[in-house]
Amino acid sequence: MNQGKLEPGGWRRAVIPIESLAHAEAELLRLGPEVEVLAPPELRERIAASARTMATLYD
């Protein structure tokens, strides 16, 4: 994993290898709001859809 440099706001950009979209989705969702997926777009869309579905449970 490439940890990169510290960015504004205290965020750190990291490039991580993934086995599959499903595996990456499950692992990254565990981090909750502490992570934002930037790429690949398919993974970002899956994370966003899961987050929306979870949010409806609490509305």
C-alpha atoms as a PDB file:
ATOM      1  CA  MET A   1       0.000   0.000   0.000  1.00  0.00           C
ATOM      2  CA  ASN A   2       1.263   3.463  -0.917  1.00  0.00           C
ATOM      3  CA  GLN A   3       0.415   5.836   1.961  1.00  0.00           C
ATOM      4  CA  GLY A   4       1.267   9.051   0.134  1.00  0.00           C
ATOM      5  CA  LYS A   5       1.695  12.441   1.749  1.00  0.00           C
ATOM      6  CA  LEU A   6      -0.619  14.129   4.211  1.00  0.00           C
ATOM      7  CA  GLU A   7      -3.134  16.312   2.388  1.00  0.00           C
ATOM      8  CA  PRO A   8      -5.132  19.348   3.570  1.00  0.00           C
ATOM      9  CA  GLY A   9      -7.648  18.560   6.261  1.00  0.00           C
ATOM     10  CA  GLY A  10      -5.517  15.727   7.617  1.00  0.00           C
ATOM     11  CA  TRP A  11      -6.473  13.253   4.878  1.00  0.00           C
ATOM     12  CA  ARG A  12      -3.995  10.813   3.415  1.00  0.00           C
ATOM     13  CA  ARG A  13      -4.374   9.435  -0.108  1.00  0.00           C
ATOM     14  CA  ALA A  14      -3.547   5.744  -0.384  1.00  0.00           C
ATOM     15  CA  VAL A  15      -3.406   3.320  -3.301  1.00  0.00           C
ATOM     16  CA  ILE A  16      -4.346  -0.184  -2.228  1.00  0.00           C
ATOM     17  CA  PRO A  17      -4.517  -3.400  -4.243  1.00  0.00           C
ATOM     18  CA  ILE A  18      -7.904  -5.135  -4.283  1.00  0.00           C
ATOM     19  CA  GLU A  19      -8.824  -8.776  -4.884  1.00  0.00           C
ATOM     20  CA  SER A  20     -12.281  -7.985  -6.200  1.00  0.00           C
ATOM     21  CA  LEU A  21     -14.844  -5.190  -6.033  1.00  0.00           C
ATOM     22  CA  ALA A  22     -16.963  -7.164  -3.554  1.00  0.00           C
ATOM     23  CA  HIS A  23     -14.019  -7.815  -1.235  1.00  0.00           C
ATOM     24  CA  ALA A  24     -12.813  -4.212  -1.404  1.00  0.00           C
ATOM     25  CA  GLU A  25     -16.339  -2.934  -0.744  1.00  0.00           C
ATOM     26  CA  ALA A  26     -16.702  -5.067   2.391  1.00  0.00           C
ATOM     27  CA  GLU A  27     -13.287  -4.101   3.726  1.00  0.00           C
ATOM     28  CA  LEU A  28     -13.640  -0.361   3.033  1.00  0.00           C
ATOM     29  CA  LEU A  29     -17.183  -0.116   4.416  1.00  0.00           C
ATOM     30  CA  ARG A  30     -15.749  -1.229   7.761  1.00  0.00           C
ATOM     31  CA  LEU A  31     -13.904   2.085   7.901  1.00  0.00           C
ATOM     32  CA  GLY A  32     -17.164   4.055   7.780  1.00  0.00           C
ATOM     33  CA  PRO A  33     -16.853   7.801   7.234  1.00  0.00           C
ATOM     34  CA  GLU A  34     -13.090   7.657   7.713  1.00  0.00           C
ATOM     35  CA  VAL A  35     -12.548   6.658   4.078  1.00  0.00           C
ATOM     36  CA  GLU A  36     -13.529   8.034   0.680  1.00  0.00           C
ATOM     37  CA  VAL A  37     -13.086   5.868  -2.387  1.00  0.00           C
ATOM     38  CA  LEU A  38     -11.877   7.889  -5.357  1.00  0.00           C
ATOM     39  CA  ALA A  39     -11.268   5.102  -7.868  1.00  0.00           C
ATOM     40  CA  PRO A  40     -12.050   2.852  -9.554  1.00  0.00           C
ATOM     41  CA  PRO A  41     -15.455   4.378 -10.365  1.00  0.00           C
ATOM     42  CA  GLU A  42     -17.205   1.013 -10.042  1.00  0.00           C
ATOM     43  CA  LEU A  43     -16.012   0.646  -6.454  1.00  0.00           C
ATOM     44  CA  ARG A  44     -16.929   4.241  -5.619  1.00  0.00           C
ATOM     45  CA  GLU A  45     -20.456   3.597  -6.958  1.00  0.00           C
ATOM     46  CA  ARG A  46     -20.810   0.410  -4.917  1.00  0.00           C
ATOM     47  CA  ILE A  47     -19.688   2.159  -1.729  1.00  0.00           C
ATOM     48  CA  ALA A  48     -22.077   5.059  -2.382  1.00  0.00           C
ATOM     49  CA  ALA A  49     -25.011   2.692  -2.999  1.00  0.00           C
ATOM     50  CA  SER A  50     -24.280   0.756   0.190  1.00  0.00           C
ATOM     51  CA  ALA A  51     -23.984   3.985   2.190  1.00  0.00           C
ATOM     52  CA  ARG A  52     -27.325   5.233   0.838  1.00  0.00           C
ATOM     53  CA  THR A  53     -29.011   1.936   1.693  1.00  0.00           C
ATOM     54  CA  MET A  54     -27.591   1.993   5.223  1.00  0.00           C
ATOM     55  CA  ALA A  55     -28.620   5.632   5.725  1.00  0.00           C
ATOM     56  CA  THR A  56     -32.258   4.794   4.955  1.00  0.00           C
ATOM     57  CA  LEU A  57     -32.278   2.458   7.950  1.00  0.00           C
ATOM     58  CA  TYR A  58     -31.624   5.392  10.272  1.00  0.00           C
ATOM     59  CA  ASP A  59     -33.871   8.050   8.698  1.00  0.00           C
END
